[in-house]
């Protein structure tokens, strides 16, 4: 993998993770998701245009793969929290619950940590080709929240957030696998 291909995507991922946009309204959530898709696509196009400018040696190919993997993990684990929050803020879903708005800092931090870890684990499993194991993570997470799932609104909130989180990890994993096998 040519390291120049990864540079724009890595630069965007670092900037987006270090200065995440806060989602504070339904209109903003839709805009953030659309802009995010365009910026990632633009970074991939720019990377494709940059790659032919230099032919890396063997060490450069290794660094390109390592940078691509690091970018993928940073994106799904770091930026993923903002994206999942955006999905839950879409006006058609109206999923942000009152308890979620008033959750303490510790609860919010725990939720973000759990989400980042689950996406990193799902990404690892997809990169290893173990797609079935992703289902086991979802089952284990549901088991841990079994009692709370009896409340319909929480169950829907939980399912949409969990499925959006895993969709991000699976899409990133499939994309990374394709890029790693072409380069």
C-alpha atoms as a PDB file:
ATOM      1  CA  UNK A   1       0.000   0.000   0.000  1.00  0.00           C
ATOM      2  CA  UNK A   2       1.446   3.314  -1.058  1.00  0.00           C
ATOM      3  CA  UNK A   3       1.675   5.565   2.021  1.00  0.00           C
ATOM      4  CA  UNK A   4       0.739   8.616  -0.074  1.00  0.00           C
ATOM      5  CA  UNK A   5      -2.702   7.087  -0.607  1.00  0.00           C
ATOM      6  CA  UNK A   6      -3.340   7.100   3.139  1.00  0.00           C
ATOM      7  CA  UNK A   7      -2.108  10.642   3.895  1.00  0.00           C
ATOM      8  CA  UNK A   8      -5.341  12.580   3.129  1.00  0.00           C
ATOM      9  CA  UNK A   9      -7.530  10.045   4.921  1.00  0.00           C
ATOM     10  CA  UNK A  10      -5.231   9.980   7.947  1.00  0.00           C
ATOM     11  CA  UNK A  11      -5.070  13.794   8.043  1.00  0.00           C
ATOM     12  CA  UNK A  12      -8.845  14.080   7.957  1.00  0.00           C
ATOM     13  CA  UNK A  13      -9.301  11.348  10.571  1.00  0.00           C
ATOM     14  CA  UNK A  14      -6.843  13.014  12.951  1.00  0.00           C
ATOM     15  CA  UNK A  15      -8.486  16.413  12.527  1.00  0.00           C
ATOM     16  CA  UNK A  16     -12.009  15.020  12.920  1.00  0.00           C
ATOM     17  CA  UNK A  17     -11.081  12.992  15.992  1.00  0.00           C
ATOM     18  CA  UNK A  18      -9.151  15.760  17.725  1.00  0.00           C
ATOM     19  CA  UNK A  19     -11.805  18.407  17.018  1.00  0.00           C
ATOM     20  CA  UNK A  20     -15.079  16.510  16.801  1.00  0.00           C
ATOM     21  CA  UNK A  21     -18.183  18.416  15.805  1.00  0.00           C
ATOM     22  CA  UNK A  22     -20.767  18.284  18.527  1.00  0.00           C
ATOM     23  CA  UNK A  23     -24.231  17.278  17.461  1.00  0.00           C
ATOM     24  CA  UNK A  24     -26.688  19.539  19.199  1.00  0.00           C
ATOM     25  CA  UNK A  25     -29.744  19.450  16.999  1.00  0.00           C
ATOM     26  CA  UNK A  26     -31.612  17.310  14.511  1.00  0.00           C
ATOM     27  CA  UNK A  27     -30.861  19.475  11.467  1.00  0.00           C
ATOM     28  CA  UNK A  28     -27.185  19.439  12.295  1.00  0.00           C
ATOM     29  CA  UNK A  29     -27.075  15.629  12.541  1.00  0.00           C
ATOM     30  CA  UNK A  30     -28.194  15.117   8.943  1.00  0.00           C
ATOM     31  CA  UNK A  31     -25.740  17.749   7.724  1.00  0.00           C
ATOM     32  CA  UNK A  32     -22.862  16.229   9.676  1.00  0.00           C
ATOM     33  CA  UNK A  33     -23.515  12.753   8.233  1.00  0.00           C
ATOM     34  CA  UNK A  34     -23.712  14.089   4.663  1.00  0.00           C
ATOM     35  CA  UNK A  35     -20.569  16.208   5.010  1.00  0.00           C
ATOM     36  CA  UNK A  36     -18.746  13.287   6.634  1.00  0.00           C
ATOM     37  CA  UNK A  37     -19.523  11.011   3.683  1.00  0.00           C
ATOM     38  CA  UNK A  38     -18.344  13.660   1.206  1.00  0.00           C
ATOM     39  CA  UNK A  39     -15.107  14.357   3.100  1.00  0.00           C
ATOM     40  CA  UNK A  40     -14.186  10.679   3.394  1.00  0.00           C
ATOM     41  CA  UNK A  41     -14.908  10.176  -0.321  1.00  0.00           C
ATOM     42  CA  UNK A  42     -12.826  13.266  -1.173  1.00  0.00           C
ATOM     43  CA  UNK A  43      -9.929  12.011   0.971  1.00  0.00           C
ATOM     44  CA  UNK A  44     -10.029   8.669  -0.859  1.00  0.00           C
ATOM     45  CA  UNK A  45     -10.047  10.412  -4.257  1.00  0.00           C
ATOM     46  CA  UNK A  46      -7.144  12.700  -3.293  1.00  0.00           C
ATOM     47  CA  UNK A  47      -5.239   9.690  -1.963  1.00  0.00           C
ATOM     48  CA  UNK A  48      -5.806   7.855  -5.233  1.00  0.00           C
ATOM     49  CA  UNK A  49      -4.459  10.864  -7.138  1.00  0.00           C
ATOM     50  CA  UNK A  50      -1.418  11.199  -4.836  1.00  0.00           C
ATOM     51  CA  UNK A  51      -0.430   7.523  -4.877  1.00  0.00           C
ATOM     52  CA  UNK A  52       1.129   7.490  -8.381  1.00  0.00           C
ATOM     53  CA  UNK A  53       3.448  10.392  -7.478  1.00  0.00           C
ATOM     54  CA  UNK A  54       5.905   8.066  -5.744  1.00  0.00           C
ATOM     55  CA  UNK A  55       6.721   4.379  -5.861  1.00  0.00           C
ATOM     56  CA  UNK A  56       7.468   3.166  -2.345  1.00  0.00           C
ATOM     57  CA  UNK A  57      10.107   0.608  -1.515  1.00  0.00           C
ATOM     58  CA  UNK A  58       9.298  -2.453   0.616  1.00  0.00           C
ATOM     59  CA  UNK A  59       9.442  -0.477   3.885  1.00  0.00           C
ATOM     60  CA  UNK A  60       7.137   2.161   2.422  1.00  0.00           C
ATOM     61  CA  UNK A  61       4.581  -0.485   1.517  1.00  0.00           C
ATOM     62  CA  UNK A  62       4.655  -1.767   5.101  1.00  0.00           C
ATOM     63  CA  UNK A  63       4.216   1.740   6.502  1.00  0.00           C
ATOM     64  CA  UNK A  64       1.346   2.377   4.112  1.00  0.00           C
ATOM     65  CA  UNK A  65      -0.501  -0.697   5.395  1.00  0.00           C
ATOM     66  CA  UNK A  66       0.220   0.213   9.015  1.00  0.00           C
ATOM     67  CA  UNK A  67      -0.989   3.795   8.464  1.00  0.00           C
ATOM     68  CA  UNK A  68      -4.148   2.552   6.759  1.00  0.00           C
ATOM     69  CA  UNK A  69      -4.953   0.202   9.653  1.00  0.00           C
ATOM     70  CA  UNK A  70      -4.219   2.902  12.233  1.00  0.00           C
ATOM     71  CA  UNK A  71      -6.469   5.308  10.336  1.00  0.00           C
ATOM     72  CA  UNK A  72      -9.277   2.756  10.265  1.00  0.00           C
ATOM     73  CA  UNK A  73      -9.081   2.057  13.991  1.00  0.00           C
ATOM     74  CA  UNK A  74      -8.814   5.745  14.868  1.00  0.00           C
ATOM     75  CA  UNK A  75     -11.777   6.580  12.664  1.00  0.00           C
ATOM     76  CA  UNK A  76     -14.184   3.911  13.936  1.00  0.00           C
ATOM     77  CA  UNK A  77     -13.133   4.250  17.568  1.00  0.00           C
ATOM     78  CA  UNK A  78     -12.674   8.018  17.796  1.00  0.00           C
ATOM     79  CA  UNK A  79     -14.867   9.620  15.172  1.00  0.00           C
ATOM     80  CA  UNK A  80     -17.448   6.855  15.433  1.00  0.00           C
ATOM     81  CA  UNK A  81     -18.937   8.298  18.622  1.00  0.00           C
ATOM     82  CA  UNK A  82     -19.883  11.526  16.853  1.00  0.00           C
ATOM     83  CA  UNK A  83     -21.315   9.639  13.883  1.00  0.00           C
ATOM     84  CA  UNK A  84     -23.440   7.319  16.022  1.00  0.00           C
ATOM     85  CA  UNK A  85     -24.726  10.283  18.022  1.00  0.00           C
ATOM     86  CA  UNK A  86     -25.644  11.910  14.689  1.00  0.00           C
ATOM     87  CA  UNK A  87     -27.652   8.857  13.647  1.00  0.00           C
ATOM     88  CA  UNK A  88     -29.551   8.957  16.936  1.00  0.00           C
ATOM     89  CA  UNK A  89     -30.212  12.684  16.416  1.00  0.00           C
ATOM     90  CA  UNK A  90     -31.821  12.334  12.979  1.00  0.00           C
ATOM     91  CA  UNK A  91     -35.245  13.990  13.022  1.00  0.00           C
ATOM     92  CA  UNK A  92     -36.933  10.924  11.567  1.00  0.00           C
ATOM     93  CA  UNK A  93     -35.713   8.851  14.526  1.00  0.00           C
ATOM     94  CA  UNK A  94     -35.950  11.346  17.405  1.00  0.00           C
ATOM     95  CA  UNK A  95     -34.046   8.867  19.554  1.00  0.00           C
ATOM     96  CA  UNK A  96     -32.255  11.092  22.020  1.00  0.00           C
ATOM     97  CA  UNK A  97     -33.923  10.316  25.305  1.00  0.00           C
ATOM     98  CA  UNK A  98     -34.402  12.656  28.254  1.00  0.00           C
ATOM     99  CA  UNK A  99     -32.256  10.416  30.473  1.00  0.00           C
ATOM    100  CA  UNK A 100     -29.511  10.535  27.851  1.00  0.00           C
ATOM    101  CA  UNK A 101     -29.549  14.344  27.899  1.00  0.00           C
ATOM    102  CA  UNK A 102     -29.141  14.438  31.668  1.00  0.00           C
ATOM    103  CA  UNK A 103     -26.721  11.531  31.989  1.00  0.00           C
ATOM    104  CA  UNK A 104     -23.757  12.211  34.227  1.00  0.00           C
ATOM    105  CA  UNK A 105     -20.275  12.685  32.830  1.00  0.00           C
ATOM    106  CA  UNK A 106     -19.217   9.252  34.075  1.00  0.00           C
ATOM    107  CA  UNK A 107     -22.136   7.520  32.335  1.00  0.00           C
ATOM    108  CA  UNK A 108     -21.454   9.358  29.087  1.00  0.00           C
ATOM    109  CA  UNK A 109     -17.737   8.513  29.263  1.00  0.00           C
ATOM    110  CA  UNK A 110     -18.533   4.851  29.918  1.00  0.00           C
ATOM    111  CA  UNK A 111     -20.926   4.762  26.984  1.00  0.00           C
ATOM    112  CA  UNK A 112     -18.348   6.293  24.661  1.00  0.00           C
ATOM    113  CA  UNK A 113     -15.670   3.865  25.866  1.00  0.00           C
ATOM    114  CA  UNK A 114     -17.954   0.869  25.376  1.00  0.00           C
ATOM    115  CA  UNK A 115     -18.875   2.089  21.886  1.00  0.00           C
ATOM    116  CA  UNK A 116     -15.247   2.677  20.902  1.00  0.00           C
ATOM    117  CA  UNK A 117     -14.218  -0.751  22.173  1.00  0.00           C
ATOM    118  CA  UNK A 118     -17.096  -2.559  20.479  1.00  0.00           C
ATOM    119  CA  UNK A 119     -16.331  -0.881  17.141  1.00  0.00           C
ATOM    120  CA  UNK A 120     -12.600  -1.672  17.444  1.00  0.00           C
ATOM    121  CA  UNK A 121     -13.378  -5.299  18.272  1.00  0.00           C
ATOM    122  CA  UNK A 122     -15.882  -5.572  15.407  1.00  0.00           C
ATOM    123  CA  UNK A 123     -13.354  -4.000  13.021  1.00  0.00           C
ATOM    124  CA  UNK A 124     -10.715  -6.510  14.120  1.00  0.00           C
ATOM    125  CA  UNK A 125     -13.105  -9.412  13.546  1.00  0.00           C
ATOM    126  CA  UNK A 126     -14.034  -8.153  10.071  1.00  0.00           C
ATOM    127  CA  UNK A 127     -10.361  -7.690   9.161  1.00  0.00           C
ATOM    128  CA  UNK A 128      -9.786 -11.292  10.252  1.00  0.00           C
ATOM    129  CA  UNK A 129     -12.756 -12.418   8.152  1.00  0.00           C
ATOM    130  CA  UNK A 130     -14.712 -13.550  11.232  1.00  0.00           C
ATOM    131  CA  UNK A 131     -18.025 -11.933  10.334  1.00  0.00           C
ATOM    132  CA  UNK A 132     -20.074 -14.407  12.369  1.00  0.00           C
ATOM    133  CA  UNK A 133     -18.275 -13.433  15.557  1.00  0.00           C
ATOM    134  CA  UNK A 134     -19.629  -9.883  15.193  1.00  0.00           C
ATOM    135  CA  UNK A 135     -23.071 -11.336  15.886  1.00  0.00           C
ATOM    136  CA  UNK A 136     -21.786 -12.807  19.131  1.00  0.00           C
ATOM    137  CA  UNK A 137     -20.709  -9.356  20.299  1.00  0.00           C
ATOM    138  CA  UNK A 138     -24.183  -8.000  19.592  1.00  0.00           C
ATOM    139  CA  UNK A 139     -25.710 -10.936  21.485  1.00  0.00           C
ATOM    140  CA  UNK A 140     -23.393 -10.422  24.468  1.00  0.00           C
ATOM    141  CA  UNK A 141     -24.161  -6.705  24.544  1.00  0.00           C
ATOM    142  CA  UNK A 142     -27.897  -7.426  24.432  1.00  0.00           C
ATOM    143  CA  UNK A 143     -27.553  -9.934  27.248  1.00  0.00           C
ATOM    144  CA  UNK A 144     -25.854  -7.314  29.402  1.00  0.00           C
ATOM    145  CA  UNK A 145     -28.791  -4.935  28.796  1.00  0.00           C
ATOM    146  CA  UNK A 146     -31.512  -7.608  28.928  1.00  0.00           C
ATOM    147  CA  UNK A 147     -33.571  -6.063  31.759  1.00  0.00           C
ATOM    148  CA  UNK A 148     -33.439  -2.565  30.271  1.00  0.00           C
ATOM    149  CA  UNK A 149     -34.600  -3.892  26.881  1.00  0.00           C
ATOM    150  CA  UNK A 150     -38.071  -4.496  28.323  1.00  0.00           C
ATOM    151  CA  UNK A 151     -38.728  -0.757  27.943  1.00  0.00           C
ATOM    152  CA  UNK A 152     -39.667  -0.262  24.282  1.00  0.00           C
ATOM    153  CA  UNK A 153     -38.164   3.195  23.814  1.00  0.00           C
ATOM    154  CA  UNK A 154     -34.839   2.131  25.322  1.00  0.00           C
ATOM    155  CA  UNK A 155     -34.848  -1.079  23.261  1.00  0.00           C
ATOM    156  CA  UNK A 156     -35.261   0.894  20.027  1.00  0.00           C
ATOM    157  CA  UNK A 157     -32.620   3.422  21.076  1.00  0.00           C
ATOM    158  CA  UNK A 158     -30.250   0.582  21.988  1.00  0.00           C
ATOM    159  CA  UNK A 159     -30.848  -1.322  18.739  1.00  0.00           C
ATOM    160  CA  UNK A 160     -30.445   1.685  16.472  1.00  0.00           C
ATOM    161  CA  UNK A 161     -27.272   2.822  18.239  1.00  0.00           C
ATOM    162  CA  UNK A 162     -25.798  -0.689  18.342  1.00  0.00           C
ATOM    163  CA  UNK A 163     -26.616  -1.497  14.720  1.00  0.00           C
ATOM    164  CA  UNK A 164     -25.305   1.878  13.514  1.00  0.00           C
ATOM    165  CA  UNK A 165     -22.123   1.293  15.501  1.00  0.00           C
ATOM    166  CA  UNK A 166     -21.587  -2.155  14.026  1.00  0.00           C
ATOM    167  CA  UNK A 167     -22.505  -0.978  10.535  1.00  0.00           C
ATOM    168  CA  UNK A 168     -19.746   1.638  10.745  1.00  0.00           C
ATOM    169  CA  UNK A 169     -17.220  -0.967  11.920  1.00  0.00           C
ATOM    170  CA  UNK A 170     -18.232  -3.525   9.277  1.00  0.00           C
ATOM    171  CA  UNK A 171     -18.177  -0.978   6.436  1.00  0.00           C
ATOM    172  CA  UNK A 172     -14.762   0.278   7.560  1.00  0.00           C
ATOM    173  CA  UNK A 173     -13.498  -3.297   7.842  1.00  0.00           C
ATOM    174  CA  UNK A 174     -14.740  -4.296   4.397  1.00  0.00           C
ATOM    175  CA  UNK A 175     -13.253  -1.113   2.921  1.00  0.00           C
ATOM    176  CA  UNK A 176      -9.915  -1.676   4.655  1.00  0.00           C
ATOM    177  CA  UNK A 177      -9.795  -5.309   3.495  1.00  0.00           C
ATOM    178  CA  UNK A 178     -10.415  -4.205  -0.091  1.00  0.00           C
ATOM    179  CA  UNK A 179      -7.748  -1.487   0.079  1.00  0.00           C
ATOM    180  CA  UNK A 180      -5.202  -3.786   1.742  1.00  0.00           C
ATOM    181  CA  UNK A 181      -5.710  -6.497  -0.867  1.00  0.00           C
ATOM    182  CA  UNK A 182      -5.416  -4.122  -3.823  1.00  0.00           C
ATOM    183  CA  UNK A 183      -2.241  -2.433  -2.547  1.00  0.00           C
END
